[in-house]
Amino acid sequence: MSECLFDFPHASVWCPSCYDAEIQNRISVEMKRANDLKEREIDSLSGITWGDQKPRVVTQNVLPPQKSQPSWRGGIRVEPTRGN
């Protein structure tokens, strides 16, 4: 099917031609994005800067030492009741 035969709004899942069109649209968007990223990579390697971008500084998050946990588990102590 190359043409949509439905005359009402529908999800592309229900129509093979609309599904194919949606997939082609997604592919073209992702290819455009990949092309833009590749252009940025090439420009950054050649020394051209992109606007006011600063190099990202990687910092290590050092966590304070954790206090040792008690060996017993939490919960409620239930003592048996004494009958009268």
C-alpha atoms as a PDB file:
ATOM      1  CA  MET A   1       0.000   0.000   0.000  1.00  0.00           C
ATOM      2  CA  SER A   2       1.431   3.315  -0.986  1.00  0.00           C
ATOM      3  CA  GLU A   3      -1.566   5.461  -0.163  1.00  0.00           C
ATOM      4  CA  CYS A   4      -3.597   5.825   3.015  1.00  0.00           C
ATOM      5  CA  LEU A   5      -7.130   4.554   2.496  1.00  0.00           C
ATOM      6  CA  PHE A   6      -8.597   5.724   5.799  1.00  0.00           C
ATOM      7  CA  ASP A   7     -10.650   8.904   5.752  1.00  0.00           C
ATOM      8  CA  PHE A   8     -10.498   9.477   9.506  1.00  0.00           C
ATOM      9  CA  PRO A   9      -7.700  10.256  11.988  1.00  0.00           C
ATOM     10  CA  HIS A  10      -5.890   7.083  13.017  1.00  0.00           C
ATOM     11  CA  ALA A  11      -2.673   5.856  14.518  1.00  0.00           C
ATOM     12  CA  SER A  12       0.060   4.901  12.125  1.00  0.00           C
ATOM     13  CA  VAL A  13       0.092   1.416  13.621  1.00  0.00           C
ATOM     14  CA  TRP A  14      -3.233   0.657  11.946  1.00  0.00           C
ATOM     15  CA  CYS A  15      -2.241   1.776   8.471  1.00  0.00           C
ATOM     16  CA  PRO A  16       0.771   0.284   6.659  1.00  0.00           C
ATOM     17  CA  SER A  17       1.303   3.303   4.426  1.00  0.00           C
ATOM     18  CA  CYS A  18       1.139   5.764   7.336  1.00  0.00           C
ATOM     19  CA  TYR A  19       3.488   3.526   9.333  1.00  0.00           C
ATOM     20  CA  ASP A  20       6.001   3.462   6.476  1.00  0.00           C
ATOM     21  CA  ALA A  21       5.783   7.255   6.164  1.00  0.00           C
ATOM     22  CA  GLU A  22       6.363   7.699   9.897  1.00  0.00           C
ATOM     23  CA  ILE A  23       9.362   5.363   9.857  1.00  0.00           C
ATOM     24  CA  GLN A  24      10.873   7.212   6.886  1.00  0.00           C
ATOM     25  CA  ASN A  25      10.319  10.526   8.697  1.00  0.00           C
ATOM     26  CA  ARG A  26      12.065   9.233  11.825  1.00  0.00           C
ATOM     27  CA  ILE A  27      14.969   7.910   9.770  1.00  0.00           C
ATOM     28  CA  SER A  28      15.441  11.242   8.016  1.00  0.00           C
ATOM     29  CA  VAL A  29      15.336  13.158  11.324  1.00  0.00           C
ATOM     30  CA  GLU A  30      17.954  10.864  12.868  1.00  0.00           C
ATOM     31  CA  MET A  31      20.150  11.047   9.765  1.00  0.00           C
ATOM     32  CA  LYS A  32      19.981  14.851   9.927  1.00  0.00           C
ATOM     33  CA  ARG A  33      20.923  14.738  13.595  1.00  0.00           C
ATOM     34  CA  ALA A  34      23.836  12.370  12.911  1.00  0.00           C
ATOM     35  CA  ASN A  35      25.023  14.693  10.140  1.00  0.00           C
ATOM     36  CA  ASP A  36      24.899  17.723  12.444  1.00  0.00           C
ATOM     37  CA  LEU A  37      26.834  15.875  15.132  1.00  0.00           C
ATOM     38  CA  LYS A  38      29.452  14.773  12.623  1.00  0.00           C
ATOM     39  CA  GLU A  39      29.822  18.368  11.383  1.00  0.00           C
ATOM     40  CA  ARG A  40      30.335  19.546  14.960  1.00  0.00           C
ATOM     41  CA  GLU A  41      32.936  16.847  15.518  1.00  0.00           C
ATOM     42  CA  ILE A  42      34.847  17.774  12.366  1.00  0.00           C
ATOM     43  CA  ASP A  43      34.694  21.481  13.179  1.00  0.00           C
ATOM     44  CA  SER A  44      35.905  20.900  16.732  1.00  0.00           C
ATOM     45  CA  LEU A  45      38.827  18.851  15.460  1.00  0.00           C
ATOM     46  CA  SER A  46      39.772  21.556  12.983  1.00  0.00           C
ATOM     47  CA  GLY A  47      39.804  24.267  15.676  1.00  0.00           C
ATOM     48  CA  ILE A  48      36.529  26.028  14.913  1.00  0.00           C
ATOM     49  CA  THR A  49      34.629  26.727  18.129  1.00  0.00           C
ATOM     50  CA  TRP A  50      30.888  26.564  18.530  1.00  0.00           C
ATOM     51  CA  GLY A  51      29.629  29.732  20.188  1.00  0.00           C
ATOM     52  CA  ASP A  52      30.258  30.128  23.892  1.00  0.00           C
ATOM     53  CA  GLN A  53      30.735  26.479  24.651  1.00  0.00           C
ATOM     54  CA  LYS A  54      33.261  25.772  27.346  1.00  0.00           C
ATOM     55  CA  PRO A  55      35.029  22.476  27.800  1.00  0.00           C
ATOM     56  CA  ARG A  56      33.232  20.270  30.232  1.00  0.00           C
ATOM     57  CA  VAL A  57      35.069  19.822  33.507  1.00  0.00           C
ATOM     58  CA  VAL A  58      34.809  16.350  34.933  1.00  0.00           C
ATOM     59  CA  THR A  59      34.796  16.228  38.704  1.00  0.00           C
ATOM     60  CA  GLN A  60      34.771  13.192  40.885  1.00  0.00           C
ATOM     61  CA  ASN A  61      32.173  13.048  43.591  1.00  0.00           C
ATOM     62  CA  VAL A  62      33.830  11.772  46.723  1.00  0.00           C
ATOM     63  CA  LEU A  63      31.349  10.379  49.192  1.00  0.00           C
ATOM     64  CA  PRO A  64      32.124  10.592  52.907  1.00  0.00           C
ATOM     65  CA  PRO A  65      32.821   7.230  54.539  1.00  0.00           C
ATOM     66  CA  GLN A  66      29.628   5.557  55.602  1.00  0.00           C
ATOM     67  CA  LYS A  67      29.018   4.700  59.216  1.00  0.00           C
ATOM     68  CA  SER A  68      28.898   1.020  59.890  1.00  0.00           C
ATOM     69  CA  GLN A  69      25.405  -0.363  60.093  1.00  0.00           C
ATOM     70  CA  PRO A  70      24.391  -2.344  63.181  1.00  0.00           C
ATOM     71  CA  SER A  71      24.355  -6.093  62.660  1.00  0.00           C
ATOM     72  CA  TRP A  72      20.746  -6.497  63.835  1.00  0.00           C
ATOM     73  CA  ARG A  73      17.853  -5.801  61.560  1.00  0.00           C
ATOM     74  CA  GLY A  74      15.097  -3.358  62.355  1.00  0.00           C
ATOM     75  CA  GLY A  75      11.589  -4.317  63.250  1.00  0.00           C
ATOM     76  CA  ILE A  76       9.199  -4.585  66.160  1.00  0.00           C
ATOM     77  CA  ARG A  77       9.863  -6.847  69.087  1.00  0.00           C
ATOM     78  CA  VAL A  78       6.809  -8.875  69.911  1.00  0.00           C
ATOM     79  CA  GLU A  79       6.689 -10.462  73.351  1.00  0.00           C
ATOM     80  CA  PRO A  80       4.180 -13.204  74.028  1.00  0.00           C
ATOM     81  CA  THR A  81       1.277 -12.059  76.186  1.00  0.00           C
ATOM     82  CA  ARG A  82       0.580 -13.921  79.401  1.00  0.00           C
ATOM     83  CA  GLY A  83      -2.928 -15.209  79.717  1.00  0.00           C
ATOM     84  CA  ASN A  84      -4.964 -14.538  82.866  1.00  0.00           C
END
